[in-house]
Amino acid sequence: MWDLVSVGLTGVGLIAGSSRESKAFVSDVDRLEGYLPNELADLADNRLESLILLARDLVVHGWVLSAWAGMLCTATATAAARLGSGHLPVAGRKCPVAGRSQAFSG
């Protein structure tokens, strides 16, 4: 029971944090786009390097958000398994639906 509560609280924390982080990420990308001139050749080397480093940091931030989404999916699947029968659907040839889809393939 306490495991389920723990998984639920983890999910709530991820949802609450991901919304705020996603908005900050979009804002940062908009800010980066605003820094770019119409012609990139007009940028000084040190300014171009600063923009590249900012873009790199945004890519890392995007991967962090992606990892949070994966953790949220895992927490949801774990909660579903503990609330249900304990069996999760299987992808691939062992999936019951996979055998039926071959009948429709022509």
C-alpha atoms as a PDB file:
ATOM      1  CA  MET A   1       0.000   0.000   0.000  1.00  0.00           C
ATOM      2  CA  TRP A   2       2.742   2.452   0.936  1.00  0.00           C
ATOM      3  CA  ASP A   3       4.564   1.624  -2.284  1.00  0.00           C
ATOM      4  CA  LEU A   4       1.511   2.701  -4.249  1.00  0.00           C
ATOM      5  CA  VAL A   5       1.279   5.968  -2.299  1.00  0.00           C
ATOM      6  CA  SER A   6       4.973   6.562  -2.962  1.00  0.00           C
ATOM      7  CA  VAL A   7       4.537   5.966  -6.693  1.00  0.00           C
ATOM      8  CA  GLY A   8       1.510   8.271  -6.739  1.00  0.00           C
ATOM      9  CA  LEU A   9       3.374  11.054  -4.973  1.00  0.00           C
ATOM     10  CA  THR A  10       6.276  10.661  -7.383  1.00  0.00           C
ATOM     11  CA  GLY A  11       3.861  11.033 -10.297  1.00  0.00           C
ATOM     12  CA  VAL A  12       2.241  14.123  -8.797  1.00  0.00           C
ATOM     13  CA  GLY A  13       5.654  15.676  -8.207  1.00  0.00           C
ATOM     14  CA  LEU A  14       6.726  14.968 -11.770  1.00  0.00           C
ATOM     15  CA  ILE A  15       3.537  16.453 -13.211  1.00  0.00           C
ATOM     16  CA  ALA A  16       3.783  19.589 -11.080  1.00  0.00           C
ATOM     17  CA  GLY A  17       7.449  20.117 -11.874  1.00  0.00           C
ATOM     18  CA  SER A  18       7.244  19.269 -15.563  1.00  0.00           C
ATOM     19  CA  SER A  19       4.622  21.910 -16.311  1.00  0.00           C
ATOM     20  CA  ARG A  20       6.751  24.662 -14.796  1.00  0.00           C
ATOM     21  CA  GLU A  21       9.913  23.335 -16.424  1.00  0.00           C
ATOM     22  CA  SER A  22       8.243  23.003 -19.840  1.00  0.00           C
ATOM     23  CA  LYS A  23       7.095  26.625 -19.739  1.00  0.00           C
ATOM     24  CA  ALA A  24      10.603  27.741 -18.755  1.00  0.00           C
ATOM     25  CA  PHE A  25      12.073  25.673 -21.595  1.00  0.00           C
ATOM     26  CA  VAL A  26       9.777  27.227 -24.197  1.00  0.00           C
ATOM     27  CA  SER A  27      10.560  30.685 -22.826  1.00  0.00           C
ATOM     28  CA  ASP A  28      14.300  30.022 -23.047  1.00  0.00           C
ATOM     29  CA  VAL A  29      14.034  28.803 -26.650  1.00  0.00           C
ATOM     30  CA  ASP A  30      12.035  31.916 -27.556  1.00  0.00           C
ATOM     31  CA  ARG A  31      14.728  34.037 -25.908  1.00  0.00           C
ATOM     32  CA  LEU A  32      17.451  32.263 -27.930  1.00  0.00           C
ATOM     33  CA  GLU A  33      15.532  32.836 -31.161  1.00  0.00           C
ATOM     34  CA  GLY A  34      15.215  36.521 -30.262  1.00  0.00           C
ATOM     35  CA  TYR A  35      18.996  36.806 -29.940  1.00  0.00           C
ATOM     36  CA  LEU A  36      19.606  35.616 -33.499  1.00  0.00           C
ATOM     37  CA  PRO A  37      20.120  38.308 -36.134  1.00  0.00           C
ATOM     38  CA  ASN A  38      18.656  38.033 -39.618  1.00  0.00           C
ATOM     39  CA  GLU A  39      22.112  37.277 -41.017  1.00  0.00           C
ATOM     40  CA  LEU A  40      24.302  34.932 -38.988  1.00  0.00           C
ATOM     41  CA  ALA A  41      27.411  36.146 -40.817  1.00  0.00           C
ATOM     42  CA  ASP A  42      27.029  39.453 -38.945  1.00  0.00           C
ATOM     43  CA  LEU A  43      27.764  37.794 -35.587  1.00  0.00           C
ATOM     44  CA  ALA A  44      31.148  38.199 -33.940  1.00  0.00           C
ATOM     45  CA  ASP A  45      32.892  34.958 -33.047  1.00  0.00           C
ATOM     46  CA  ASN A  46      32.483  35.385 -29.283  1.00  0.00           C
ATOM     47  CA  ARG A  47      28.766  36.173 -29.689  1.00  0.00           C
ATOM     48  CA  LEU A  48      28.295  33.130 -31.912  1.00  0.00           C
ATOM     49  CA  GLU A  49      30.081  30.973 -29.335  1.00  0.00           C
ATOM     50  CA  SER A  50      27.789  32.293 -26.589  1.00  0.00           C
ATOM     51  CA  LEU A  51      24.700  31.455 -28.644  1.00  0.00           C
ATOM     52  CA  ILE A  52      26.016  27.967 -29.391  1.00  0.00           C
ATOM     53  CA  LEU A  53      26.653  27.346 -25.687  1.00  0.00           C
ATOM     54  CA  LEU A  54      23.159  28.588 -24.808  1.00  0.00           C
ATOM     55  CA  ALA A  55      21.673  26.279 -27.456  1.00  0.00           C
ATOM     56  CA  ARG A  56      23.685  23.374 -26.022  1.00  0.00           C
ATOM     57  CA  ASP A  57      22.331  24.100 -22.547  1.00  0.00           C
ATOM     58  CA  LEU A  58      18.795  24.137 -23.949  1.00  0.00           C
ATOM     59  CA  VAL A  59      19.343  20.746 -25.567  1.00  0.00           C
ATOM     60  CA  VAL A  60      20.416  19.348 -22.195  1.00  0.00           C
ATOM     61  CA  HIS A  61      17.345  20.909 -20.577  1.00  0.00           C
ATOM     62  CA  GLY A  62      15.182  19.249 -23.237  1.00  0.00           C
ATOM     63  CA  TRP A  63      16.718  15.857 -22.437  1.00  0.00           C
ATOM     64  CA  VAL A  64      16.000  16.400 -18.748  1.00  0.00           C
ATOM     65  CA  LEU A  65      12.342  17.092 -19.566  1.00  0.00           C
ATOM     66  CA  SER A  66      12.282  13.977 -21.720  1.00  0.00           C
ATOM     67  CA  ALA A  67      13.674  11.910 -18.849  1.00  0.00           C
ATOM     68  CA  TRP A  68      10.947  13.255 -16.571  1.00  0.00           C
ATOM     69  CA  ALA A  69       8.333  12.115 -19.082  1.00  0.00           C
ATOM     70  CA  GLY A  70       9.872   8.635 -19.075  1.00  0.00           C
ATOM     71  CA  MET A  71       9.821   8.542 -15.282  1.00  0.00           C
ATOM     72  CA  LEU A  72       6.184   9.630 -15.264  1.00  0.00           C
ATOM     73  CA  CYS A  73       5.255   6.862 -17.698  1.00  0.00           C
ATOM     74  CA  THR A  74       7.104   4.328 -15.569  1.00  0.00           C
ATOM     75  CA  ALA A  75       5.390   5.532 -12.394  1.00  0.00           C
ATOM     76  CA  THR A  76       1.997   5.296 -14.112  1.00  0.00           C
ATOM     77  CA  ALA A  77       2.685   1.776 -15.389  1.00  0.00           C
ATOM     78  CA  THR A  78       3.889   0.674 -11.951  1.00  0.00           C
ATOM     79  CA  ALA A  79       0.778   2.078 -10.285  1.00  0.00           C
ATOM     80  CA  ALA A  80      -1.451   0.394 -12.867  1.00  0.00           C
ATOM     81  CA  ALA A  81       0.306  -2.926 -12.339  1.00  0.00           C
ATOM     82  CA  ARG A  82      -0.084  -2.724  -8.579  1.00  0.00           C
ATOM     83  CA  LEU A  83      -3.734  -1.698  -8.767  1.00  0.00           C
ATOM     84  CA  GLY A  84      -4.584  -4.250 -11.431  1.00  0.00           C
ATOM     85  CA  SER A  85      -3.706  -7.854 -11.838  1.00  0.00           C
ATOM     86  CA  GLY A  86       0.006  -7.193 -11.906  1.00  0.00           C
ATOM     87  CA  HIS A  87       0.312  -8.026 -15.590  1.00  0.00           C
ATOM     88  CA  LEU A  88       1.299  -5.372 -18.086  1.00  0.00           C
ATOM     89  CA  PRO A  89       0.608  -5.633 -21.822  1.00  0.00           C
ATOM     90  CA  VAL A  90       3.454  -7.106 -23.828  1.00  0.00           C
ATOM     91  CA  ALA A  91       4.534  -5.679 -27.165  1.00  0.00           C
ATOM     92  CA  GLY A  92       5.652  -7.882 -30.018  1.00  0.00           C
ATOM     93  CA  ARG A  93       4.730 -11.368 -31.138  1.00  0.00           C
ATOM     94  CA  LYS A  94       3.580 -12.498 -27.694  1.00  0.00           C
ATOM     95  CA  CYS A  95       0.965  -9.753 -27.606  1.00  0.00           C
ATOM     96  CA  PRO A  96      -2.562 -11.188 -28.061  1.00  0.00           C
ATOM     97  CA  VAL A  97      -3.434  -8.429 -30.508  1.00  0.00           C
ATOM     98  CA  ALA A  98      -0.389  -9.178 -32.712  1.00  0.00           C
ATOM     99  CA  GLY A  99      -1.846 -12.517 -33.783  1.00  0.00           C
ATOM    100  CA  ARG A 100      -5.106 -10.869 -34.781  1.00  0.00           C
ATOM    101  CA  SER A 101      -3.422  -8.150 -36.824  1.00  0.00           C
ATOM    102  CA  GLN A 102      -1.895 -10.748 -39.146  1.00  0.00           C
ATOM    103  CA  ALA A 103      -5.383 -11.809 -40.216  1.00  0.00           C
ATOM    104  CA  PHE A 104      -6.000  -8.286 -41.556  1.00  0.00           C
ATOM    105  CA  SER A 105      -2.700  -7.991 -43.419  1.00  0.00           C
ATOM    106  CA  GLY A 106      -4.134  -9.504 -46.536  1.00  0.00           C
END
